[in-house]
Amino acid sequence: MGQLDIRQDVHDGAIVVSAEGEVDSGNVGELAAHLDEARGAAATSQRRLLVIELDRVKYFGSAGLSAVLDCHERGGVEGVTVRLAASNTEVLRPIEVTKLDEVLHLYDTVAAATHDDGRD
């Protein structure tokens, strides 16, 4: 099981969950729990925006993809916009290979994700 550190913050009125380390089947439950909590916080915030920052993730497997996709889908049902901030190949490659880049809202940075008001 890889090491995973997760923190939650607020940036420009958006709830931001930042992950660092490895997201694998051994620790994906921790990520999913943080995403659920953050999605709930975003649902009660004025902007209703959740940004998942994955730029410091070194391994991102199918378990991580599933957790992020589940958060994105649940957010859509709850009226919360979910965006991903990542520019690293370890995260972007699995998303592109699975064609989830056609579903998920991808941004290079948290600032870009929080400042795009017309994309979703």
PDB file of N, CA and C in Angstrom:
ATOM      1  N   MET A   1       0.854  -1.182   0.000  1.00  0.00           N
ATOM      2  CA  MET A   1       0.000   0.000   0.000  1.00  0.00           C
ATOM      3  C   MET A   1       0.890   1.232   0.000  1.00  0.00           C
ATOM      4  N   GLY A   2       0.593   2.176  -0.901  1.00  0.00           N
ATOM      5  CA  GLY A   2       1.372   3.394  -1.004  1.00  0.00           C
ATOM      6  C   GLY A   2       0.947   4.434   0.010  1.00  0.00           C
ATOM      7  N   GLN A   3       1.841   5.362   0.249  1.00  0.00           N
ATOM      8  CA  GLN A   3       1.579   6.470   1.157  1.00  0.00           C
ATOM      9  C   GLN A   3       0.691   7.491   0.456  1.00  0.00           C
ATOM     10  N   LEU A   4      -0.332   7.968   1.147  1.00  0.00           N
ATOM     11  CA  LEU A   4      -1.239   8.958   0.592  1.00  0.00           C
ATOM     12  C   LEU A   4      -1.566   9.991   1.662  1.00  0.00           C
ATOM     13  N   ASP A   5      -1.317  11.246   1.333  1.00  0.00           N
ATOM     14  CA  ASP A   5      -1.676  12.359   2.216  1.00  0.00           C
ATOM     15  C   ASP A   5      -2.744  13.180   1.522  1.00  0.00           C
ATOM     16  N   ILE A   6      -3.799  13.521   2.266  1.00  0.00           N
ATOM     17  CA  ILE A   6      -4.923  14.264   1.699  1.00  0.00           C
ATOM     18  C   ILE A   6      -5.233  15.434   2.619  1.00  0.00           C
ATOM     19  N   ARG A   7      -5.487  16.578   2.017  1.00  0.00           N
ATOM     20  CA  ARG A   7      -5.910  17.736   2.808  1.00  0.00           C
ATOM     21  C   ARG A   7      -7.035  18.456   2.083  1.00  0.00           C
ATOM     22  N   GLN A   8      -7.811  19.193   2.834  1.00  0.00           N
ATOM     23  CA  GLN A   8      -8.935  19.944   2.281  1.00  0.00           C
ATOM     24  C   GLN A   8      -8.772  21.407   2.656  1.00  0.00           C
ATOM     25  N   ASP A   9      -9.064  22.283   1.700  1.00  0.00           N
ATOM     26  CA  ASP A   9      -8.928  23.717   1.913  1.00  0.00           C
ATOM     27  C   ASP A   9     -10.015  24.428   1.102  1.00  0.00           C
ATOM     28  N   VAL A  10     -10.065  25.729   1.236  1.00  0.00           N
ATOM     29  CA  VAL A  10     -10.973  26.551   0.429  1.00  0.00           C
ATOM     30  C   VAL A  10     -10.111  27.516  -0.365  1.00  0.00           C
ATOM     31  N   HIS A  11     -10.359  27.584  -1.682  1.00  0.00           N
ATOM     32  CA  HIS A  11      -9.607  28.475  -2.568  1.00  0.00           C
ATOM     33  C   HIS A  11     -10.600  29.216  -3.449  1.00  0.00           C
ATOM     34  N   ASP A  12     -10.655  30.518  -3.309  1.00  0.00           N
ATOM     35  CA  ASP A  12     -11.586  31.349  -4.079  1.00  0.00           C
ATOM     36  C   ASP A  12     -13.022  30.840  -3.989  1.00  0.00           C
ATOM     37  N   GLY A  13     -13.419  30.426  -2.808  1.00  0.00           N
ATOM     38  CA  GLY A  13     -14.782  29.974  -2.581  1.00  0.00           C
ATOM     39  C   GLY A  13     -15.062  28.534  -2.983  1.00  0.00           C
ATOM     40  N   ALA A  14     -14.077  27.859  -3.559  1.00  0.00           N
ATOM     41  CA  ALA A  14     -14.233  26.453  -3.956  1.00  0.00           C
ATOM     42  C   ALA A  14     -13.613  25.554  -2.890  1.00  0.00           C
ATOM     43  N   ILE A  15     -14.216  24.406  -2.687  1.00  0.00           N
ATOM     44  CA  ILE A  15     -13.620  23.395  -1.813  1.00  0.00           C
ATOM     45  C   ILE A  15     -12.553  22.678  -2.628  1.00  0.00           C
ATOM     46  N   VAL A  16     -11.345  22.561  -2.085  1.00  0.00           N
ATOM     47  CA  VAL A  16     -10.235  21.929  -2.792  1.00  0.00           C
ATOM     48  C   VAL A  16      -9.716  20.764  -1.958  1.00  0.00           C
ATOM     49  N   VAL A  17      -9.694  19.576  -2.570  1.00  0.00           N
ATOM     50  CA  VAL A  17      -9.104  18.394  -1.954  1.00  0.00           C
ATOM     51  C   VAL A  17      -7.805  18.128  -2.687  1.00  0.00           C
ATOM     52  N   SER A  18      -6.695  18.119  -1.949  1.00  0.00           N
ATOM     53  CA  SER A  18      -5.379  17.882  -2.539  1.00  0.00           C
ATOM     54  C   SER A  18      -4.835  16.547  -2.055  1.00  0.00           C
ATOM     55  N   ALA A  19      -4.404  15.730  -3.006  1.00  0.00           N
ATOM     56  CA  ALA A  19      -3.823  14.429  -2.672  1.00  0.00           C
ATOM     57  C   ALA A  19      -2.350  14.428  -3.064  1.00  0.00           C
ATOM     58  N   GLU A  20      -1.550  13.744  -2.256  1.00  0.00           N
ATOM     59  CA  GLU A  20      -0.122  13.619  -2.521  1.00  0.00           C
ATOM     60  C   GLU A  20       0.307  12.200  -2.212  1.00  0.00           C
ATOM     61  N   GLY A  21       1.012  11.579  -3.143  1.00  0.00           N
ATOM     62  CA  GLY A  21       1.506  10.225  -2.939  1.00  0.00           C
ATOM     63  C   GLY A  21       0.956   9.280  -3.977  1.00  0.00           C
ATOM     64  N   GLU A  22       0.543   8.107  -3.515  1.00  0.00           N
ATOM     65  CA  GLU A  22       0.038   7.063  -4.406  1.00  0.00           C
ATOM     66  C   GLU A  22      -1.422   6.751  -4.092  1.00  0.00           C
ATOM     67  N   VAL A  23      -2.238   6.665  -5.136  1.00  0.00           N
ATOM     68  CA  VAL A  23      -3.635   6.281  -4.974  1.00  0.00           C
ATOM     69  C   VAL A  23      -3.765   4.883  -5.543  1.00  0.00           C
ATOM     70  N   ASP A  24      -4.012   3.913  -4.662  1.00  0.00           N
ATOM     71  CA  ASP A  24      -4.140   2.524  -5.104  1.00  0.00           C
ATOM     72  C   ASP A  24      -5.288   1.849  -4.360  1.00  0.00           C
ATOM     73  N   SER A  25      -5.501   0.586  -4.650  1.00  0.00           N
ATOM     74  CA  SER A  25      -6.634  -0.128  -4.046  1.00  0.00           C
ATOM     75  C   SER A  25      -6.522  -0.220  -2.525  1.00  0.00           C
ATOM     76  N   GLY A  26      -5.333  -0.103  -1.991  1.00  0.00           N
ATOM     77  CA  GLY A  26      -5.150  -0.188  -0.551  1.00  0.00           C
ATOM     78  C   GLY A  26      -5.553   1.059   0.214  1.00  0.00           C
ATOM     79  N   ASN A  27      -5.544   2.209  -0.450  1.00  0.00           N
ATOM     80  CA  ASN A  27      -5.870   3.446   0.261  1.00  0.00           C
ATOM     81  C   ASN A  27      -6.952   4.285  -0.416  1.00  0.00           C
ATOM     82  N   VAL A  28      -7.556   3.751  -1.467  1.00  0.00           N
ATOM     83  CA  VAL A  28      -8.568   4.533  -2.188  1.00  0.00           C
ATOM     84  C   VAL A  28      -9.783   4.855  -1.316  1.00  0.00           C
ATOM     85  N   GLY A  29     -10.064   4.020  -0.337  1.00  0.00           N
ATOM     86  CA  GLY A  29     -11.175   4.294   0.578  1.00  0.00           C
ATOM     87  C   GLY A  29     -10.975   5.603   1.325  1.00  0.00           C
ATOM     88  N   GLU A  30      -9.733   5.885   1.681  1.00  0.00           N
ATOM     89  CA  GLU A  30      -9.414   7.150   2.353  1.00  0.00           C
ATOM     90  C   GLU A  30      -9.698   8.330   1.422  1.00  0.00           C
ATOM     91  N   LEU A  31      -9.272   8.215   0.156  1.00  0.00           N
ATOM     92  CA  LEU A  31      -9.547   9.276  -0.808  1.00  0.00           C
ATOM     93  C   LEU A  31     -11.050   9.434  -1.013  1.00  0.00           C
ATOM     94  N   ALA A  32     -11.759   8.338  -1.187  1.00  0.00           N
ATOM     95  CA  ALA A  32     -13.206   8.385  -1.414  1.00  0.00           C
ATOM     96  C   ALA A  32     -13.918   9.052  -0.242  1.00  0.00           C
ATOM     97  N   ALA A  33     -13.500   8.746   0.979  1.00  0.00           N
ATOM     98  CA  ALA A  33     -14.120   9.354   2.165  1.00  0.00           C
ATOM     99  C   ALA A  33     -13.897  10.864   2.178  1.00  0.00           C
ATOM    100  N   HIS A  34     -12.689  11.305   1.848  1.00  0.00           N
ATOM    101  CA  HIS A  34     -12.406  12.739   1.793  1.00  0.00           C
ATOM    102  C   HIS A  34     -13.218  13.416   0.690  1.00  0.00           C
ATOM    103  N   LEU A  35     -13.340  12.741  -0.450  1.00  0.00           N
ATOM    104  CA  LEU A  35     -14.119  13.317  -1.553  1.00  0.00           C
ATOM    105  C   LEU A  35     -15.594  13.426  -1.189  1.00  0.00           C
ATOM    106  N   ASP A  36     -16.131  12.418  -0.500  1.00  0.00           N
ATOM    107  CA  ASP A  36     -17.528  12.471  -0.055  1.00  0.00           C
ATOM    108  C   ASP A  36     -17.751  13.650   0.888  1.00  0.00           C
ATOM    109  N   GLU A  37     -16.850  13.799   1.853  1.00  0.00           N
ATOM    110  CA  GLU A  37     -16.961  14.893   2.820  1.00  0.00           C
ATOM    111  C   GLU A  37     -16.862  16.248   2.114  1.00  0.00           C
ATOM    112  N   ALA A  38     -15.916  16.369   1.195  1.00  0.00           N
ATOM    113  CA  ALA A  38     -15.715  17.627   0.477  1.00  0.00           C
ATOM    114  C   ALA A  38     -16.897  17.940  -0.441  1.00  0.00           C
ATOM    115  N   ARG A  39     -17.459  16.910  -1.066  1.00  0.00           N
ATOM    116  CA  ARG A  39     -18.625  17.101  -1.922  1.00  0.00           C
ATOM    117  C   ARG A  39     -19.798  17.627  -1.092  1.00  0.00           C
ATOM    118  N   GLY A  40     -19.956  17.102   0.099  1.00  0.00           N
ATOM    119  CA  GLY A  40     -20.994  17.592   1.003  1.00  0.00           C
ATOM    120  C   GLY A  40     -20.769  19.041   1.388  1.00  0.00           C
ATOM    121  N   ALA A  41     -19.519  19.399   1.655  1.00  0.00           N
ATOM    122  CA  ALA A  41     -19.200  20.792   1.984  1.00  0.00           C
ATOM    123  C   ALA A  41     -19.455  21.699   0.788  1.00  0.00           C
ATOM    124  N   ALA A  42     -19.106  21.231  -0.412  1.00  0.00           N
ATOM    125  CA  ALA A  42     -19.327  22.027  -1.619  1.00  0.00           C
ATOM    126  C   ALA A  42     -20.809  22.225  -1.881  1.00  0.00           C
ATOM    127  N   ALA A  43     -21.610  21.214  -1.548  1.00  0.00           N
ATOM    128  CA  ALA A  43     -23.060  21.298  -1.780  1.00  0.00           C
ATOM    129  C   ALA A  43     -23.706  22.392  -0.947  1.00  0.00           C
ATOM    130  N   THR A  44     -23.085  22.764   0.161  1.00  0.00           N
ATOM    131  CA  THR A  44     -23.645  23.804   1.019  1.00  0.00           C
ATOM    132  C   THR A  44     -22.911  25.137   0.857  1.00  0.00           C
ATOM    133  N   SER A  45     -21.918  25.170  -0.033  1.00  0.00           N
ATOM    134  CA  SER A  45     -21.181  26.420  -0.247  1.00  0.00           C
ATOM    135  C   SER A  45     -21.846  27.245  -1.342  1.00  0.00           C
ATOM    136  N   GLN A  46     -21.499  28.500  -1.395  1.00  0.00           N
ATOM    137  CA  GLN A  46     -22.111  29.403  -2.369  1.00  0.00           C
ATOM    138  C   GLN A  46     -21.736  29.011  -3.804  1.00  0.00           C
ATOM    139  N   ARG A  47     -20.492  28.632  -4.055  1.00  0.00           N
ATOM    140  CA  ARG A  47     -20.055  28.322  -5.429  1.00  0.00           C
ATOM    141  C   ARG A  47     -20.420  26.913  -5.874  1.00  0.00           C
ATOM    142  N   ARG A  48     -20.642  26.010  -4.921  1.00  0.00           N
ATOM    143  CA  ARG A  48     -20.976  24.611  -5.250  1.00  0.00           C
ATOM    144  C   ARG A  48     -19.942  24.015  -6.199  1.00  0.00           C
ATOM    145  N   LEU A  49     -18.660  24.241  -5.870  1.00  0.00           N
ATOM    146  CA  LEU A  49     -17.544  23.806  -6.703  1.00  0.00           C
ATOM    147  C   LEU A  49     -16.543  23.021  -5.869  1.00  0.00           C
ATOM    148  N   LEU A  50     -16.194  21.842  -6.357  1.00  0.00           N
ATOM    149  CA  LEU A  50     -15.182  20.996  -5.733  1.00  0.00           C
ATOM    150  C   LEU A  50     -14.062  20.782  -6.739  1.00  0.00           C
ATOM    151  N   VAL A  51     -12.843  21.093  -6.336  1.00  0.00           N
ATOM    152  CA  VAL A  51     -11.665  20.871  -7.171  1.00  0.00           C
ATOM    153  C   VAL A  51     -10.821  19.781  -6.513  1.00  0.00           C
ATOM    154  N   ILE A  52     -10.497  18.764  -7.289  1.00  0.00           N
ATOM    155  CA  ILE A  52      -9.637  17.679  -6.818  1.00  0.00           C
ATOM    156  C   ILE A  52      -8.258  17.912  -7.415  1.00  0.00           C
ATOM    157  N   GLU A  53      -7.291  18.242  -6.568  1.00  0.00           N
ATOM    158  CA  GLU A  53      -5.930  18.524  -7.026  1.00  0.00           C
ATOM    159  C   GLU A  53      -5.087  17.259  -6.902  1.00  0.00           C
ATOM    160  N   LEU A  54      -4.569  16.807  -8.038  1.00  0.00           N
ATOM    161  CA  LEU A  54      -3.807  15.546  -8.073  1.00  0.00           C
ATOM    162  C   LEU A  54      -2.396  15.746  -8.617  1.00  0.00           C
ATOM    163  N   ASP A  55      -1.892  16.951  -8.607  1.00  0.00           N
ATOM    164  CA  ASP A  55      -0.584  17.239  -9.203  1.00  0.00           C
ATOM    165  C   ASP A  55       0.588  16.551  -8.491  1.00  0.00           C
ATOM    166  N   ARG A  56       0.429  16.232  -7.220  1.00  0.00           N
ATOM    167  CA  ARG A  56       1.522  15.595  -6.484  1.00  0.00           C
ATOM    168  C   ARG A  56       1.288  14.091  -6.291  1.00  0.00           C
ATOM    169  N   VAL A  57       0.410  13.527  -7.111  1.00  0.00           N
ATOM    170  CA  VAL A  57       0.156  12.084  -7.073  1.00  0.00           C
ATOM    171  C   VAL A  57       1.179  11.394  -7.965  1.00  0.00           C
ATOM    172  N   LYS A  58       1.832  10.376  -7.428  1.00  0.00           N
ATOM    173  CA  LYS A  58       2.893   9.660  -8.142  1.00  0.00           C
ATOM    174  C   LYS A  58       2.405   8.371  -8.789  1.00  0.00           C
ATOM    175  N   TYR A  59       1.281   7.852  -8.322  1.00  0.00           N
ATOM    176  CA  TYR A  59       0.669   6.660  -8.919  1.00  0.00           C
ATOM    177  C   TYR A  59      -0.838   6.828  -8.831  1.00  0.00           C
ATOM    178  N   PHE A  60      -1.522   6.586  -9.957  1.00  0.00           N
ATOM    179  CA  PHE A  60      -2.963   6.788 -10.020  1.00  0.00           C
ATOM    180  C   PHE A  60      -3.544   5.652 -10.845  1.00  0.00           C
ATOM    181  N   GLY A  61      -4.010   4.622 -10.167  1.00  0.00           N
ATOM    182  CA  GLY A  61      -4.530   3.447 -10.843  1.00  0.00           C
ATOM    183  C   GLY A  61      -6.032   3.474 -11.016  1.00  0.00           C
ATOM    184  N   SER A  62      -6.566   2.328 -11.397  1.00  0.00           N
ATOM    185  CA  SER A  62      -7.995   2.232 -11.695  1.00  0.00           C
ATOM    186  C   SER A  62      -8.862   2.533 -10.469  1.00  0.00           C
ATOM    187  N   ALA A  63      -8.369   2.219  -9.287  1.00  0.00           N
ATOM    188  CA  ALA A  63      -9.135   2.525  -8.078  1.00  0.00           C
ATOM    189  C   ALA A  63      -9.305   4.035  -7.921  1.00  0.00           C
ATOM    190  N   GLY A  64      -8.258   4.779  -8.185  1.00  0.00           N
ATOM    191  CA  GLY A  64      -8.330   6.233  -8.114  1.00  0.00           C
ATOM    192  C   GLY A  64      -9.263   6.802  -9.173  1.00  0.00           C
ATOM    193  N   LEU A  65      -9.179   6.251 -10.373  1.00  0.00           N
ATOM    194  CA  LEU A  65     -10.082   6.676 -11.448  1.00  0.00           C
ATOM    195  C   LEU A  65     -11.535   6.475 -11.043  1.00  0.00           C
ATOM    196  N   SER A  66     -11.832   5.329 -10.476  1.00  0.00           N
ATOM    197  CA  SER A  66     -13.202   5.026 -10.053  1.00  0.00           C
ATOM    198  C   SER A  66     -13.682   5.999  -8.982  1.00  0.00           C
ATOM    199  N   ALA A  67     -12.823   6.305  -8.016  1.00  0.00           N
ATOM    200  CA  ALA A  67     -13.209   7.224  -6.934  1.00  0.00           C
ATOM    201  C   ALA A  67     -13.503   8.620  -7.478  1.00  0.00           C
ATOM    202  N   VAL A  68     -12.662   9.086  -8.391  1.00  0.00           N
ATOM    203  CA  VAL A  68     -12.853  10.415  -8.960  1.00  0.00           C
ATOM    204  C   VAL A  68     -14.101  10.452  -9.840  1.00  0.00           C
ATOM    205  N   LEU A  69     -14.296   9.422 -10.639  1.00  0.00           N
ATOM    206  CA  LEU A  69     -15.478   9.365 -11.501  1.00  0.00           C
ATOM    207  C   LEU A  69     -16.756   9.300 -10.669  1.00  0.00           C
ATOM    208  N   ASP A  70     -16.740   8.507  -9.601  1.00  0.00           N
ATOM    209  CA  ASP A  70     -17.898   8.413  -8.712  1.00  0.00           C
ATOM    210  C   ASP A  70     -18.211   9.779  -8.093  1.00  0.00           C
ATOM    211  N   CYS A  71     -17.177  10.481  -7.651  1.00  0.00           N
ATOM    212  CA  CYS A  71     -17.369  11.821  -7.071  1.00  0.00           C
ATOM    213  C   CYS A  71     -17.951  12.763  -8.119  1.00  0.00           C
ATOM    214  N   HIS A  72     -17.444  12.699  -9.335  1.00  0.00           N
ATOM    215  CA  HIS A  72     -17.936  13.541 -10.427  1.00  0.00           C
ATOM    216  C   HIS A  72     -19.414  13.258 -10.707  1.00  0.00           C
ATOM    217  N   GLU A  73     -19.778  11.992 -10.778  1.00  0.00           N
ATOM    218  CA  GLU A  73     -21.164  11.623 -11.072  1.00  0.00           C
ATOM    219  C   GLU A  73     -22.103  12.021  -9.938  1.00  0.00           C
ATOM    220  N   ARG A  74     -21.696  11.749  -8.703  1.00  0.00           N
ATOM    221  CA  ARG A  74     -22.532  12.127  -7.560  1.00  0.00           C
ATOM    222  C   ARG A  74     -22.665  13.640  -7.445  1.00  0.00           C
ATOM    223  N   GLY A  75     -21.573  14.336  -7.742  1.00  0.00           N
ATOM    224  CA  GLY A  75     -21.618  15.795  -7.724  1.00  0.00           C
ATOM    225  C   GLY A  75     -22.638  16.321  -8.714  1.00  0.00           C
ATOM    226  N   GLY A  76     -22.671  15.728  -9.908  1.00  0.00           N
ATOM    227  CA  GLY A  76     -23.633  16.149 -10.913  1.00  0.00           C
ATOM    228  C   GLY A  76     -25.064  15.988 -10.446  1.00  0.00           C
ATOM    229  N   VAL A  77     -25.336  14.902  -9.750  1.00  0.00           N
ATOM    230  CA  VAL A  77     -26.680  14.653  -9.222  1.00  0.00           C
ATOM    231  C   VAL A  77     -27.023  15.666  -8.124  1.00  0.00           C
ATOM    232  N   GLU A  78     -26.029  16.047  -7.345  1.00  0.00           N
ATOM    233  CA  GLU A  78     -26.245  16.941  -6.205  1.00  0.00           C
ATOM    234  C   GLU A  78     -26.094  18.419  -6.556  1.00  0.00           C
ATOM    235  N   GLY A  79     -25.797  18.714  -7.819  1.00  0.00           N
ATOM    236  CA  GLY A  79     -25.629  20.107  -8.217  1.00  0.00           C
ATOM    237  C   GLY A  79     -24.275  20.692  -7.864  1.00  0.00           C
ATOM    238  N   VAL A  80     -23.282  19.838  -7.674  1.00  0.00           N
ATOM    239  CA  VAL A  80     -21.922  20.276  -7.369  1.00  0.00           C
ATOM    240  C   VAL A  80     -21.064  20.041  -8.608  1.00  0.00           C
ATOM    241  N   THR A  81     -20.356  21.066  -9.039  1.00  0.00           N
ATOM    242  CA  THR A  81     -19.415  20.927 -10.144  1.00  0.00           C
ATOM    243  C   THR A  81     -18.114  20.367  -9.590  1.00  0.00           C
ATOM    244  N   VAL A  82     -17.622  19.291 -10.200  1.00  0.00           N
ATOM    245  CA  VAL A  82     -16.374  18.663  -9.779  1.00  0.00           C
ATOM    246  C   VAL A  82     -15.362  18.839 -10.904  1.00  0.00           C
ATOM    247  N   ARG A  83     -14.212  19.404 -10.562  1.00  0.00           N
ATOM    248  CA  ARG A  83     -13.140  19.636 -11.536  1.00  0.00           C
ATOM    249  C   ARG A  83     -11.848  19.011 -11.024  1.00  0.00           C
ATOM    250  N   LEU A  84     -10.997  18.597 -11.943  1.00  0.00           N
ATOM    251  CA  LEU A  84      -9.697  18.027 -11.603  1.00  0.00           C
ATOM    252  C   LEU A  84      -8.593  19.000 -11.989  1.00  0.00           C
ATOM    253  N   ALA A  85      -7.626  19.168 -11.104  1.00  0.00           N
ATOM    254  CA  ALA A  85      -6.444  19.967 -11.398  1.00  0.00           C
ATOM    255  C   ALA A  85      -5.244  19.027 -11.375  1.00  0.00           C
ATOM    256  N   ALA A  86      -4.648  18.814 -12.551  1.00  0.00           N
ATOM    257  CA  ALA A  86      -3.470  17.949 -12.651  1.00  0.00           C
ATOM    258  C   ALA A  86      -2.766  18.221 -13.970  1.00  0.00           C
ATOM    259  N   SER A  87      -1.447  18.212 -13.920  1.00  0.00           N
ATOM    260  CA  SER A  87      -0.677  18.387 -15.145  1.00  0.00           C
ATOM    261  C   SER A  87       0.379  17.301 -15.288  1.00  0.00           C
ATOM    262  N   ASN A  88       0.372  16.336 -14.377  1.00  0.00           N
ATOM    263  CA  ASN A  88       1.381  15.282 -14.378  1.00  0.00           C
ATOM    264  C   ASN A  88       0.915  14.054 -15.157  1.00  0.00           C
ATOM    265  N   THR A  89       1.849  13.441 -15.834  1.00  0.00           N
ATOM    266  CA  THR A  89       1.567  12.279 -16.674  1.00  0.00           C
ATOM    267  C   THR A  89       1.000  11.116 -15.877  1.00  0.00           C
ATOM    268  N   GLU A  90       1.434  10.943 -14.631  1.00  0.00           N
ATOM    269  CA  GLU A  90       0.969   9.823 -13.808  1.00  0.00           C
ATOM    270  C   GLU A  90      -0.545   9.840 -13.626  1.00  0.00           C
ATOM    271  N   VAL A  91      -1.132  11.005 -13.658  1.00  0.00           N
ATOM    272  CA  VAL A  91      -2.586  11.144 -13.516  1.00  0.00           C
ATOM    273  C   VAL A  91      -3.261  11.278 -14.879  1.00  0.00           C
ATOM    274  N   LEU A  92      -2.713  12.107 -15.726  1.00  0.00           N
ATOM    275  CA  LEU A  92      -3.360  12.381 -17.012  1.00  0.00           C
ATOM    276  C   LEU A  92      -3.386  11.171 -17.943  1.00  0.00           C
ATOM    277  N   ARG A  93      -2.342  10.387 -17.956  1.00  0.00           N
ATOM    278  CA  ARG A  93      -2.284   9.251 -18.877  1.00  0.00           C
ATOM    279  C   ARG A  93      -3.420   8.253 -18.645  1.00  0.00           C
ATOM    280  N   PRO A  94      -3.650   7.778 -17.403  1.00  0.00           N
ATOM    281  CA  PRO A  94      -4.772   6.855 -17.194  1.00  0.00           C
ATOM    282  C   PRO A  94      -6.129   7.480 -17.553  1.00  0.00           C
ATOM    283  N   ILE A  95      -6.273   8.763 -17.330  1.00  0.00           N
ATOM    284  CA  ILE A  95      -7.525   9.440 -17.664  1.00  0.00           C
ATOM    285  C   ILE A  95      -7.714   9.464 -19.180  1.00  0.00           C
ATOM    286  N   GLU A  96      -6.651   9.755 -19.907  1.00  0.00           N
ATOM    287  CA  GLU A  96      -6.729   9.804 -21.369  1.00  0.00           C
ATOM    288  C   GLU A  96      -6.944   8.418 -21.970  1.00  0.00           C
ATOM    289  N   VAL A  97      -6.229   7.413 -21.452  1.00  0.00           N
ATOM    290  CA  VAL A  97      -6.339   6.042 -21.986  1.00  0.00           C
ATOM    291  C   VAL A  97      -7.759   5.517 -21.837  1.00  0.00           C
ATOM    292  N   THR A  98      -8.399   5.844 -20.740  1.00  0.00           N
ATOM    293  CA  THR A  98      -9.770   5.379 -20.491  1.00  0.00           C
ATOM    294  C   THR A  98     -10.819   6.324 -21.087  1.00  0.00           C
ATOM    295  N   LYS A  99     -10.358   7.373 -21.756  1.00  0.00           N
ATOM    296  CA  LYS A  99     -11.230   8.366 -22.395  1.00  0.00           C
ATOM    297  C   LYS A  99     -12.083   9.155 -21.388  1.00  0.00           C
ATOM    298  N   LEU A 100     -11.672   9.135 -20.130  1.00  0.00           N
ATOM    299  CA  LEU A 100     -12.391   9.922 -19.128  1.00  0.00           C
ATOM    300  C   LEU A 100     -12.116  11.411 -19.266  1.00  0.00           C
ATOM    301  N   ASP A 101     -11.132  11.770 -20.104  1.00  0.00           N
ATOM    302  CA  ASP A 101     -10.900  13.189 -20.366  1.00  0.00           C
ATOM    303  C   ASP A 101     -12.066  13.803 -21.135  1.00  0.00           C
ATOM    304  N   GLU A 102     -12.920  12.951 -21.707  1.00  0.00           N
ATOM    305  CA  GLU A 102     -14.121  13.429 -22.390  1.00  0.00           C
ATOM    306  C   GLU A 102     -15.279  13.641 -21.413  1.00  0.00           C
ATOM    307  N   VAL A 103     -15.124  13.154 -20.190  1.00  0.00           N
ATOM    308  CA  VAL A 103     -16.173  13.235 -19.179  1.00  0.00           C
ATOM    309  C   VAL A 103     -15.794  14.207 -18.065  1.00  0.00           C
ATOM    310  N   LEU A 104     -14.574  14.080 -17.573  1.00  0.00           N
ATOM    311  CA  LEU A 104     -14.110  14.887 -16.449  1.00  0.00           C
ATOM    312  C   LEU A 104     -13.680  16.271 -16.915  1.00  0.00           C
ATOM    313  N   HIS A 105     -13.781  17.241 -16.040  1.00  0.00           N
ATOM    314  CA  HIS A 105     -13.359  18.611 -16.325  1.00  0.00           C
ATOM    315  C   HIS A 105     -11.925  18.765 -15.842  1.00  0.00           C
ATOM    316  N   LEU A 106     -10.952  18.782 -16.779  1.00  0.00           N
ATOM    317  CA  LEU A 106      -9.533  18.809 -16.449  1.00  0.00           C
ATOM    318  C   LEU A 106      -8.943  20.208 -16.595  1.00  0.00           C
ATOM    319  N   TYR A 107      -8.104  20.570 -15.635  1.00  0.00           N
ATOM    320  CA  TYR A 107      -7.405  21.852 -15.632  1.00  0.00           C
ATOM    321  C   TYR A 107      -5.969  21.621 -15.214  1.00  0.00           C
ATOM    322  N   ASP A 108      -5.080  22.526 -15.648  1.00  0.00           N
ATOM    323  CA  ASP A 108      -3.665  22.405 -15.294  1.00  0.00           C
ATOM    324  C   ASP A 108      -3.395  22.767 -13.839  1.00  0.00           C
ATOM    325  N   THR A 109      -4.166  23.709 -13.313  1.00  0.00           N
ATOM    326  CA  THR A 109      -3.918  24.209 -11.957  1.00  0.00           C
ATOM    327  C   THR A 109      -5.230  24.415 -11.204  1.00  0.00           C
ATOM    328  N   VAL A 110      -5.122  24.523  -9.901  1.00  0.00           N
ATOM    329  CA  VAL A 110      -6.288  24.842  -9.079  1.00  0.00           C
ATOM    330  C   VAL A 110      -6.816  26.224  -9.443  1.00  0.00           C
ATOM    331  N   ALA A 111      -5.919  27.166  -9.679  1.00  0.00           N
ATOM    332  CA  ALA A 111      -6.350  28.523 -10.036  1.00  0.00           C
ATOM    333  C   ALA A 111      -7.176  28.507 -11.321  1.00  0.00           C
ATOM    334  N   ALA A 112      -6.741  27.757 -12.316  1.00  0.00           N
ATOM    335  CA  ALA A 112      -7.510  27.671 -13.572  1.00  0.00           C
ATOM    336  C   ALA A 112      -8.872  27.027 -13.323  1.00  0.00           C
ATOM    337  N   ALA A 113      -8.907  26.021 -12.484  1.00  0.00           N
ATOM    338  CA  ALA A 113     -10.170  25.321 -12.195  1.00  0.00           C
ATOM    339  C   ALA A 113     -11.143  26.211 -11.434  1.00  0.00           C
ATOM    340  N   THR A 114     -10.647  27.051 -10.564  1.00  0.00           N
ATOM    341  CA  THR A 114     -11.541  27.886  -9.773  1.00  0.00           C
ATOM    342  C   THR A 114     -11.952  29.155 -10.506  1.00  0.00           C
ATOM    343  N   HIS A 115     -11.220  29.544 -11.528  1.00  0.00           N
ATOM    344  CA  HIS A 115     -11.532  30.790 -12.224  1.00  0.00           C
ATOM    345  C   HIS A 115     -12.300  30.610 -13.522  1.00  0.00           C
ATOM    346  N   ASP A 116     -12.605  29.392 -13.913  1.00  0.00           N
ATOM    347  CA  ASP A 116     -13.371  29.145 -15.125  1.00  0.00           C
ATOM    348  C   ASP A 116     -14.845  29.122 -14.758  1.00  0.00           C
ATOM    349  N   ASP A 117     -15.559  30.176 -15.087  1.00  0.00           N
ATOM    350  CA  ASP A 117     -16.977  30.259 -14.715  1.00  0.00           C
ATOM    351  C   ASP A 117     -17.928  29.868 -15.830  1.00  0.00           C
ATOM    352  N   GLY A 118     -17.421  29.594 -17.032  1.00  0.00           N
ATOM    353  CA  GLY A 118     -18.343  29.324 -18.111  1.00  0.00           C
ATOM    354  C   GLY A 118     -18.204  27.959 -18.742  1.00  0.00           C
ATOM    355  N   ARG A 119     -17.402  27.113 -18.200  1.00  0.00           N
ATOM    356  CA  ARG A 119     -17.109  25.844 -18.857  1.00  0.00           C
ATOM    357  C   ARG A 119     -18.140  24.775 -18.590  1.00  0.00           C
ATOM    358  N   ASP A 120     -18.713  24.728 -17.415  1.00  0.00           N
ATOM    359  CA  ASP A 120     -19.591  23.593 -17.041  1.00  0.00           C
ATOM    360  C   ASP A 120     -21.034  23.867 -17.344  1.00  0.00           C
TER     361      ASP A 120
END
